[in-house]
Amino acid sequence: MLGISYEGATAVITTVGAGLRSFEVDGVPYVETFGPDEKPPMSAGAVLVPWPNRTAGATWELDGVRQQLDVTEPARGNAIHGLVRRRPWAVLEHTGSLVSLRTLIEPQAGWPAALDVTVSYALDDRGLTVTHGVTNVGDVATPFGVGTHPYPRAGAASTESCVLTLAATTVLPLDVERMVPSGPAVPVEGTEFDFRSGRSLAEVRLDTPFGGCEPGADGLVHHTLVAESGGVEVWADPAFRWVQVFTPDSFPGRGLAVAVEPMTCPPDALNSGVDLIWVSPGESWGARWGIRPLG
């Protein structure tokens, strides 16, 4: 575990998976956490590369060649949450308020490309900023996606008492048995999935991919979780056009929690091609997201 701090803010990052274990300001928690000797429950804080969410049937094609990934969600037959969340990451830099980590995705069964992957966590006056980088260090152009899996919380407020606001303008219908897309994204307007003006999470249960996330006047995408006592914002660069929202009833020690997961592409993007990022050999990509306390 690697701790960083800035004035009253602290965060803890795992070296296995490079995930976010905790983020607090003046002792107030702004993400759900887990013990130092525990595996991240329900992928809490995980980095999801080279694809977020699910790849249907754990198969996809690159340059006309079928790729067979490991089936990491056996109950549904899918490959889930990428290749790096259980890997040890090397520490590139660790100062008082910043930590940077790196891992290499080598060519392997189901993934024929080599990617150098980095993530850095930095604390400052604005809160926590997370910066992702991906470089193609192989010899074949490859697509990929990036996601992350934080469970933001509005301090001590219960999830049921919070209002969730999303910048999303579309929702992706799912085959609920396999949890993969059953059709193209549709507008949220006029549906139960319209969170653009904020909706209470009381009695709301979601495991839902939203798209069309529109930047605000500052050029960033903003999602918020707000209670009477304060709130928390998950912001992101426009590259994160998608967000998965998940409301498990049994997060350890918490009960009902909510994950707000910025993603650059939707579930099963390796097959649909929607919003995949392509990098040629030697080419790099990067984007940021972050968490900021409100009130």
Protein backbone atom coordinates (compact mmCIF):
# COMPACT_ATOMS: atom_id res chain seq x y z
CA MET A 1 0.00 0.00 0.00
CA LEU A 2 1.21 3.50 -0.86
CA GLY A 3 -0.05 6.52 1.02
CA ILE A 4 -0.07 10.12 -0.19
CA SER A 5 -1.25 13.30 1.50
CA TYR A 6 -1.78 16.99 0.91
CA GLU A 7 -2.81 19.26 3.77
CA GLY A 8 -5.95 17.52 5.14
CA ALA A 9 -6.36 15.09 2.23
CA THR A 10 -5.05 11.50 2.19
CA ALA A 11 -5.26 8.63 -0.27
CA VAL A 12 -4.02 5.05 -0.27
CA ILE A 13 -3.12 3.18 -3.48
CA THR A 14 -2.56 -0.56 -3.84
CA THR A 15 0.55 -1.91 -5.54
CA VAL A 16 -1.42 -4.94 -6.77
CA GLY A 17 -3.76 -3.55 -9.41
CA ALA A 18 -2.76 0.09 -8.75
CA GLY A 19 -6.23 0.65 -7.35
CA LEU A 20 -7.64 3.38 -5.12
CA ARG A 21 -8.19 1.96 -1.62
CA SER A 22 -9.17 5.17 0.17
CA PHE A 23 -9.56 8.92 -0.24
CA GLU A 24 -10.38 11.16 2.70
CA VAL A 25 -10.36 14.88 3.43
CA ASP A 26 -10.10 15.94 7.08
CA GLY A 27 -11.02 12.39 8.06
CA VAL A 28 -14.20 12.34 5.95
CA PRO A 29 -14.31 9.42 3.44
CA TYR A 30 -15.15 10.20 -0.18
CA VAL A 31 -14.83 6.66 -1.54
CA GLU A 32 -15.79 3.29 -0.09
CA THR A 33 -12.75 1.51 1.29
CA PHE A 34 -11.55 -1.94 2.33
CA GLY A 35 -8.96 -3.37 4.69
CA PRO A 36 -5.22 -3.41 3.90
CA ASP A 37 -5.19 -7.21 3.83
CA GLU A 38 -8.45 -7.60 1.90
CA LYS A 39 -9.00 -8.06 -1.79
CA PRO A 40 -10.93 -5.13 -3.30
CA PRO A 41 -14.60 -6.06 -2.90
CA MET A 42 -16.66 -5.81 -6.07
CA SER A 43 -13.60 -4.42 -7.93
CA ALA A 44 -13.53 -1.33 -5.67
CA GLY A 45 -11.01 1.21 -6.94
CA ALA A 46 -9.76 -1.01 -9.75
CA VAL A 47 -7.98 0.14 -12.92
CA LEU A 48 -9.61 -1.48 -15.97
CA VAL A 49 -7.25 -1.81 -18.95
CA PRO A 50 -7.18 -2.73 -21.87
CA TRP A 51 -10.98 -2.92 -21.69
CA PRO A 52 -13.50 -1.90 -19.03
CA ASN A 53 -16.55 -3.94 -18.10
CA ARG A 54 -17.20 -7.06 -20.20
CA THR A 55 -16.12 -8.67 -23.46
CA ALA A 56 -18.96 -10.95 -24.54
CA GLY A 57 -18.05 -14.61 -24.74
CA ALA A 58 -14.43 -13.63 -23.93
CA THR A 59 -13.75 -13.41 -27.67
CA TRP A 60 -13.00 -10.65 -30.17
CA GLU A 61 -11.13 -10.18 -33.46
CA LEU A 62 -8.00 -8.26 -34.38
CA ASP A 63 -7.11 -7.93 -38.06
CA GLY A 64 -9.51 -10.75 -38.86
CA VAL A 65 -7.99 -13.16 -36.33
CA ARG A 66 -10.23 -14.47 -33.54
CA GLN A 67 -8.84 -13.83 -30.08
CA GLN A 68 -9.82 -16.04 -27.11
CA LEU A 69 -9.46 -14.35 -23.73
CA ASP A 70 -9.65 -16.15 -20.40
CA VAL A 71 -13.23 -16.45 -19.17
CA THR A 72 -12.98 -14.41 -15.97
CA GLU A 73 -16.74 -14.18 -15.38
CA PRO A 74 -17.64 -17.88 -15.64
CA ALA A 75 -21.29 -17.50 -14.66
CA ARG A 76 -21.90 -15.38 -17.75
CA GLY A 77 -19.10 -16.66 -20.00
CA ASN A 78 -17.43 -13.24 -20.35
CA ALA A 79 -14.01 -11.69 -19.87
CA ILE A 80 -14.40 -8.87 -17.36
CA HIS A 81 -12.47 -5.73 -16.35
CA GLY A 82 -9.29 -6.11 -18.39
CA LEU A 83 -5.93 -7.65 -17.62
CA VAL A 84 -4.23 -5.53 -14.94
CA ARG A 85 -6.34 -5.42 -11.78
CA ARG A 86 -4.61 -8.43 -10.19
CA ARG A 87 -1.11 -7.68 -11.42
CA PRO A 88 1.72 -6.18 -9.35
CA TRP A 89 2.63 -2.68 -10.56
CA ALA A 90 6.08 -1.11 -10.34
CA VAL A 91 6.40 2.22 -8.53
CA LEU A 92 7.81 4.92 -10.82
CA GLU A 93 7.56 7.82 -8.36
CA HIS A 94 6.30 8.29 -4.82
CA THR A 95 6.41 11.72 -3.21
CA GLY A 96 4.33 13.24 -0.44
CA SER A 97 1.31 14.01 -2.64
CA LEU A 98 1.85 11.87 -5.75
CA VAL A 99 2.37 8.25 -6.69
CA SER A 100 2.92 6.88 -10.20
CA LEU A 101 2.87 3.20 -11.14
CA ARG A 102 3.52 1.15 -14.25
CA THR A 103 2.80 -2.30 -15.62
CA LEU A 104 3.43 -4.01 -18.95
CA ILE A 105 0.74 -5.97 -20.75
CA GLU A 106 2.67 -8.52 -22.77
CA PRO A 107 1.30 -10.43 -25.77
CA GLN A 108 -0.66 -13.41 -24.45
CA ALA A 109 -3.58 -15.68 -25.25
CA GLY A 110 -6.42 -13.44 -26.39
CA TRP A 111 -4.31 -10.28 -26.40
CA PRO A 112 -1.60 -10.20 -29.10
CA ALA A 113 -0.39 -6.64 -28.42
CA ALA A 114 2.16 -5.15 -26.01
CA LEU A 115 1.07 -2.10 -24.00
CA ASP A 116 2.99 -0.07 -21.44
CA VAL A 117 0.38 1.15 -18.94
CA THR A 118 0.83 3.87 -16.31
CA VAL A 119 -1.39 5.52 -13.71
CA SER A 120 -0.66 8.36 -11.32
CA TYR A 121 -2.61 9.64 -8.34
CA ALA A 122 -2.06 13.22 -7.17
CA LEU A 123 -3.59 15.28 -4.36
CA ASP A 124 -3.91 19.06 -4.45
CA ASP A 125 -6.36 21.83 -3.57
CA ARG A 126 -8.92 20.40 -6.01
CA GLY A 127 -8.94 16.90 -4.54
CA LEU A 128 -7.65 13.73 -6.20
CA THR A 129 -6.55 13.60 -9.86
CA VAL A 130 -5.90 10.27 -11.59
CA THR A 131 -3.93 10.27 -14.86
CA HIS A 132 -3.83 7.24 -17.16
CA GLY A 133 -1.27 6.57 -19.89
CA VAL A 134 -1.04 3.81 -22.50
CA THR A 135 1.84 3.34 -24.96
CA ASN A 136 1.97 0.74 -27.71
CA VAL A 137 5.39 -0.90 -27.27
CA GLY A 138 4.63 -3.74 -29.67
CA ASP A 139 4.65 -4.07 -33.44
CA VAL A 140 0.92 -4.14 -34.21
CA ALA A 141 -1.71 -1.41 -34.06
CA THR A 142 -4.23 -2.25 -31.37
CA PRO A 143 -7.50 -0.97 -29.93
CA PHE A 144 -8.13 -0.61 -26.22
CA GLY A 145 -10.31 1.05 -23.62
CA VAL A 146 -9.68 2.42 -20.15
CA GLY A 147 -11.98 2.38 -17.16
CA THR A 148 -11.87 2.70 -13.41
CA HIS A 149 -14.12 1.48 -10.62
CA PRO A 150 -14.46 3.96 -7.73
CA TYR A 151 -17.32 3.85 -5.25
CA PRO A 152 -17.75 7.54 -4.37
CA ARG A 153 -19.56 8.44 -1.17
CA ALA A 154 -20.91 11.73 0.15
CA GLY A 155 -19.03 11.55 3.42
CA ALA A 156 -21.05 9.86 6.15
CA ALA A 157 -24.40 10.20 4.34
CA SER A 158 -26.28 7.02 3.49
CA THR A 159 -26.47 6.16 -0.19
CA GLU A 160 -30.29 6.17 -0.07
CA SER A 161 -30.28 9.81 1.07
CA CYS A 162 -28.17 10.99 -1.87
CA VAL A 163 -29.08 12.53 -5.21
CA LEU A 164 -27.12 11.24 -8.21
CA THR A 165 -26.55 13.51 -11.21
CA LEU A 166 -24.95 12.19 -14.41
CA ALA A 167 -23.73 14.02 -17.51
CA ALA A 168 -24.96 11.10 -19.63
CA THR A 169 -27.42 11.62 -22.49
CA THR A 170 -27.79 7.97 -23.54
CA VAL A 171 -28.17 4.55 -21.93
CA LEU A 172 -27.04 1.21 -23.34
CA PRO A 173 -29.64 -1.61 -23.21
CA LEU A 174 -28.35 -4.89 -21.82
CA ASP A 175 -29.05 -8.59 -22.09
CA VAL A 176 -29.65 -8.99 -18.35
CA GLU A 177 -28.60 -12.65 -18.36
CA ARG A 178 -25.16 -11.96 -19.82
CA MET A 179 -24.86 -8.24 -18.92
CA VAL A 180 -23.63 -7.34 -22.41
CA PRO A 181 -25.25 -4.92 -24.87
CA SER A 182 -28.44 -6.04 -26.58
CA GLY A 183 -28.62 -3.05 -28.94
CA PRO A 184 -27.28 0.45 -29.58
CA ALA A 185 -27.44 3.24 -27.01
CA VAL A 186 -30.71 5.16 -26.80
CA PRO A 187 -31.51 8.65 -25.42
CA VAL A 188 -32.23 8.86 -21.69
CA GLU A 189 -34.79 11.63 -22.18
CA GLY A 190 -38.22 10.53 -20.99
CA THR A 191 -36.92 7.33 -19.37
CA GLU A 192 -36.17 6.18 -15.84
CA PHE A 193 -32.47 6.49 -16.73
CA ASP A 194 -32.45 10.27 -17.05
CA PHE A 195 -30.19 11.51 -14.26
CA ARG A 196 -29.15 14.76 -15.96
CA SER A 197 -31.06 16.91 -13.46
CA GLY A 198 -30.42 14.63 -10.50
CA ARG A 199 -32.49 11.82 -8.99
CA SER A 200 -32.68 10.36 -5.51
CA LEU A 201 -31.08 6.94 -5.12
CA ALA A 202 -33.79 5.81 -2.70
CA GLU A 203 -35.10 2.48 -4.03
CA VAL A 204 -33.00 2.84 -7.21
CA ARG A 205 -30.93 -0.15 -8.29
CA LEU A 206 -28.60 0.08 -11.27
CA ASP A 207 -25.93 -1.93 -13.05
CA THR A 208 -26.14 0.21 -16.12
CA PRO A 209 -23.84 1.71 -18.79
CA PHE A 210 -24.56 5.31 -19.71
CA GLY A 211 -23.06 7.15 -22.70
CA GLY A 212 -22.95 10.47 -24.46
CA CYS A 213 -21.38 12.12 -21.41
CA GLU A 214 -21.28 15.82 -22.26
CA PRO A 215 -18.57 18.17 -20.93
CA GLY A 216 -19.55 21.28 -19.01
CA ALA A 217 -18.35 24.83 -19.65
CA ASP A 218 -14.92 23.94 -18.24
CA GLY A 219 -14.46 21.19 -20.82
CA LEU A 220 -14.81 18.38 -18.25
CA VAL A 221 -17.49 15.77 -17.67
CA HIS A 222 -19.11 16.02 -14.22
CA HIS A 223 -21.06 13.42 -12.22
CA THR A 224 -22.14 14.19 -8.63
CA LEU A 225 -23.47 12.44 -5.56
CA VAL A 226 -24.98 14.92 -3.11
CA ALA A 227 -26.65 14.73 0.31
CA GLU A 228 -27.84 17.47 2.67
CA SER A 229 -24.51 17.35 4.50
CA GLY A 230 -22.35 17.69 1.39
CA GLY A 231 -21.33 15.68 -1.61
CA VAL A 232 -18.70 14.39 -3.98
CA GLU A 233 -17.97 14.90 -7.66
CA VAL A 234 -16.44 12.48 -10.14
CA TRP A 235 -15.07 14.52 -13.04
CA ALA A 236 -13.31 13.35 -16.19
CA ASP A 237 -11.73 14.44 -19.43
CA PRO A 238 -14.06 14.18 -22.46
CA ALA A 239 -12.26 10.96 -23.44
CA PHE A 240 -14.35 9.29 -20.74
CA ARG A 241 -17.61 9.47 -22.71
CA TRP A 242 -19.16 6.55 -20.81
CA VAL A 243 -19.95 5.82 -17.18
CA GLN A 244 -21.15 2.61 -15.56
CA VAL A 245 -23.30 3.03 -12.45
CA PHE A 246 -23.62 0.06 -10.09
CA THR A 247 -25.57 -0.01 -6.82
CA PRO A 248 -24.73 -3.19 -4.87
CA ASP A 249 -26.86 -3.83 -1.78
CA SER A 250 -24.09 -5.54 0.15
CA PHE A 251 -20.85 -3.57 -0.04
CA PRO A 252 -18.87 -4.84 3.00
CA GLY A 253 -19.42 -2.66 6.03
CA ARG A 254 -21.64 -0.28 4.10
CA GLY A 255 -24.63 -2.06 2.63
CA LEU A 256 -26.03 -0.09 -0.29
CA ALA A 257 -23.22 1.70 -2.14
CA VAL A 258 -22.84 3.22 -5.58
CA ALA A 259 -20.05 2.85 -8.11
CA VAL A 260 -19.64 5.66 -10.65
CA GLU A 261 -17.15 4.28 -13.17
CA PRO A 262 -15.70 6.55 -15.89
CA MET A 263 -15.01 4.57 -19.08
CA THR A 264 -13.65 5.55 -22.48
CA CYS A 265 -15.85 2.97 -24.20
CA PRO A 266 -18.96 0.90 -23.46
CA PRO A 267 -19.16 -2.78 -22.47
CA ASP A 268 -18.12 -5.19 -25.25
CA ALA A 269 -16.39 -2.43 -27.21
CA LEU A 270 -13.77 -4.90 -28.46
CA ASN A 271 -16.57 -6.45 -30.50
CA SER A 272 -18.75 -3.43 -31.29
CA GLY A 273 -15.85 -1.07 -31.98
CA VAL A 274 -17.75 1.78 -30.30
CA ASP A 275 -15.37 4.47 -28.99
CA LEU A 276 -12.34 2.20 -29.00
CA ILE A 277 -8.98 3.99 -28.88
CA TRP A 278 -6.40 2.81 -31.43
CA VAL A 279 -2.66 3.21 -30.94
CA SER A 280 -0.03 2.39 -33.54
CA PRO A 281 3.41 1.05 -32.55
CA GLY A 282 5.24 3.77 -30.60
CA GLU A 283 2.10 5.88 -30.14
CA SER A 284 0.87 7.00 -26.71
CA TRP A 285 -2.45 8.10 -25.23
CA GLY A 286 -3.41 9.75 -21.95
CA ALA A 287 -6.42 11.16 -20.08
CA ARG A 288 -7.47 12.17 -16.56
CA TRP A 289 -10.36 11.87 -14.15
CA GLY A 290 -10.70 12.74 -10.49
CA ILE A 291 -12.71 13.03 -7.29
CA ARG A 292 -13.52 16.30 -5.58
CA PRO A 293 -15.39 16.89 -2.32
CA LEU A 294 -18.38 19.26 -2.53
CA GLY A 295 -19.60 21.52 0.26
